[in-house]
Amino acid sequence: MLGAVIVHPDIKEVIPSSSEPIIKQDGETKNDSEHNASKRFLEKIVSTSN
């Protein structure tokens, strides 16, 4: 699971944002990588902010 949080250097609390599972993609035999999961995660953030 790839998770994202919002942090500030002067505040001790963190705010969990969302997560992206690292799972097998269609037709694959091995689990996905953190790199590919982060690409999907960032695409979701960009598409929801527009």
N, C-alpha and C. Protein backbone atom coordinates (compact mmCIF):
# COMPACT_ATOMS: atom_id res chain seq x y z
N MET A 1 0.84 -1.15 0.00
CA MET A 1 0.00 0.00 0.00
C MET A 1 0.90 1.23 0.00
N LEU A 2 0.63 2.13 -0.90
CA LEU A 2 1.33 3.40 -0.96
C LEU A 2 0.42 4.44 -0.33
N GLY A 3 0.89 5.14 0.68
CA GLY A 3 0.07 6.11 1.37
C GLY A 3 0.63 7.51 1.24
N ALA A 4 -0.25 8.50 1.35
CA ALA A 4 0.18 9.89 1.28
C ALA A 4 -0.38 10.64 2.49
N VAL A 5 0.41 11.56 3.01
CA VAL A 5 -0.02 12.38 4.13
C VAL A 5 0.39 13.82 3.88
N ILE A 6 -0.28 14.73 4.58
CA ILE A 6 0.07 16.14 4.53
C ILE A 6 0.80 16.46 5.84
N VAL A 7 1.99 17.03 5.73
CA VAL A 7 2.79 17.35 6.91
C VAL A 7 3.25 18.80 6.86
N HIS A 8 3.52 19.34 8.05
CA HIS A 8 4.08 20.68 8.18
C HIS A 8 5.23 20.58 9.18
N PRO A 9 6.36 21.21 8.90
CA PRO A 9 7.51 21.05 9.79
C PRO A 9 7.29 21.58 11.22
N ASP A 10 6.38 22.52 11.40
CA ASP A 10 6.17 23.10 12.73
C ASP A 10 5.01 22.47 13.50
N ILE A 11 4.28 21.56 12.88
CA ILE A 11 3.12 20.94 13.52
C ILE A 11 3.38 19.44 13.68
N LYS A 12 3.07 18.89 14.85
CA LYS A 12 3.38 17.48 15.12
C LYS A 12 2.39 16.52 14.49
N GLU A 13 1.20 16.97 14.16
CA GLU A 13 0.19 16.09 13.58
C GLU A 13 0.39 15.96 12.07
N VAL A 14 -0.04 14.82 11.55
CA VAL A 14 -0.06 14.61 10.10
C VAL A 14 -1.50 14.30 9.70
N ILE A 15 -1.84 14.67 8.48
CA ILE A 15 -3.19 14.42 7.97
C ILE A 15 -3.10 13.39 6.87
N PRO A 16 -3.65 12.19 7.08
CA PRO A 16 -3.63 11.17 6.03
C PRO A 16 -4.47 11.65 4.84
N SER A 17 -3.94 11.49 3.66
CA SER A 17 -4.64 11.95 2.46
C SER A 17 -5.39 10.81 1.80
N SER A 18 -4.67 9.87 1.26
CA SER A 18 -5.28 8.71 0.60
C SER A 18 -4.21 7.66 0.37
N SER A 19 -4.62 6.57 -0.26
CA SER A 19 -3.67 5.48 -0.50
C SER A 19 -3.92 4.86 -1.86
N GLU A 20 -2.92 4.16 -2.34
CA GLU A 20 -3.00 3.46 -3.62
C GLU A 20 -2.46 2.05 -3.40
N PRO A 21 -3.26 1.02 -3.69
CA PRO A 21 -2.78 -0.35 -3.47
C PRO A 21 -1.71 -0.74 -4.49
N ILE A 22 -0.78 -1.54 -4.03
CA ILE A 22 0.24 -2.11 -4.91
C ILE A 22 -0.20 -3.54 -5.17
N ILE A 23 -0.89 -3.74 -6.29
CA ILE A 23 -1.51 -5.03 -6.59
C ILE A 23 -1.13 -5.49 -7.99
N LYS A 24 -1.48 -6.72 -8.29
CA LYS A 24 -1.25 -7.24 -9.63
C LYS A 24 -2.16 -6.52 -10.61
N GLN A 25 -1.61 -6.06 -11.71
CA GLN A 25 -2.40 -5.43 -12.76
C GLN A 25 -2.94 -6.53 -13.67
N ASP A 26 -3.91 -6.21 -14.49
CA ASP A 26 -4.52 -7.19 -15.39
C ASP A 26 -3.46 -7.91 -16.23
N GLY A 27 -3.47 -9.22 -16.17
CA GLY A 27 -2.58 -10.03 -16.99
C GLY A 27 -1.17 -10.18 -16.46
N GLU A 28 -0.84 -9.58 -15.34
CA GLU A 28 0.51 -9.67 -14.79
C GLU A 28 0.60 -10.82 -13.79
N THR A 29 1.80 -11.37 -13.63
CA THR A 29 2.01 -12.45 -12.67
C THR A 29 2.69 -11.96 -11.40
N LYS A 30 3.34 -10.80 -11.46
CA LYS A 30 4.03 -10.25 -10.30
C LYS A 30 3.29 -9.01 -9.80
N ASN A 31 3.47 -8.70 -8.51
CA ASN A 31 2.89 -7.48 -7.97
C ASN A 31 3.48 -6.26 -8.64
N ASP A 32 2.73 -5.19 -8.64
CA ASP A 32 3.17 -3.92 -9.19
C ASP A 32 4.27 -3.34 -8.31
N SER A 33 4.90 -2.27 -8.74
CA SER A 33 5.95 -1.64 -7.94
C SER A 33 5.44 -0.34 -7.32
N GLU A 34 6.17 0.15 -6.34
CA GLU A 34 5.83 1.42 -5.71
C GLU A 34 5.88 2.55 -6.73
N HIS A 35 6.80 2.45 -7.67
CA HIS A 35 6.95 3.48 -8.69
C HIS A 35 5.68 3.59 -9.54
N ASN A 36 5.16 2.48 -10.01
CA ASN A 36 3.94 2.50 -10.82
C ASN A 36 2.73 2.91 -10.00
N ALA A 37 2.68 2.48 -8.74
CA ALA A 37 1.57 2.88 -7.87
C ALA A 37 1.59 4.39 -7.63
N SER A 38 2.79 4.96 -7.48
CA SER A 38 2.87 6.40 -7.28
C SER A 38 2.45 7.17 -8.53
N LYS A 39 2.73 6.63 -9.71
CA LYS A 39 2.27 7.27 -10.95
C LYS A 39 0.74 7.31 -11.00
N ARG A 40 0.09 6.18 -10.68
CA ARG A 40 -1.37 6.12 -10.66
C ARG A 40 -1.95 7.08 -9.62
N PHE A 41 -1.31 7.11 -8.46
CA PHE A 41 -1.75 7.98 -7.38
C PHE A 41 -1.69 9.45 -7.78
N LEU A 42 -0.58 9.87 -8.38
CA LEU A 42 -0.43 11.26 -8.79
C LEU A 42 -1.40 11.62 -9.91
N GLU A 43 -1.67 10.69 -10.81
CA GLU A 43 -2.66 10.93 -11.87
C GLU A 43 -4.04 11.17 -11.27
N LYS A 44 -4.39 10.40 -10.23
CA LYS A 44 -5.68 10.59 -9.56
C LYS A 44 -5.76 11.95 -8.88
N ILE A 45 -4.68 12.37 -8.23
CA ILE A 45 -4.67 13.67 -7.56
C ILE A 45 -4.83 14.80 -8.58
N VAL A 46 -4.11 14.73 -9.68
CA VAL A 46 -4.19 15.78 -10.70
C VAL A 46 -5.57 15.82 -11.32
N SER A 47 -6.16 14.66 -11.61
CA SER A 47 -7.46 14.65 -12.26
C SER A 47 -8.57 15.14 -11.33
N THR A 48 -8.45 14.94 -10.02
CA THR A 48 -9.48 15.40 -9.10
C THR A 48 -9.31 16.88 -8.75
N SER A 49 -8.12 17.43 -8.93
CA SER A 49 -7.92 18.84 -8.58
C SER A 49 -8.33 19.78 -9.71
N ASN A 50 -8.56 19.26 -10.89
CA ASN A 50 -8.97 20.12 -12.03
C ASN A 50 -10.44 20.33 -12.05
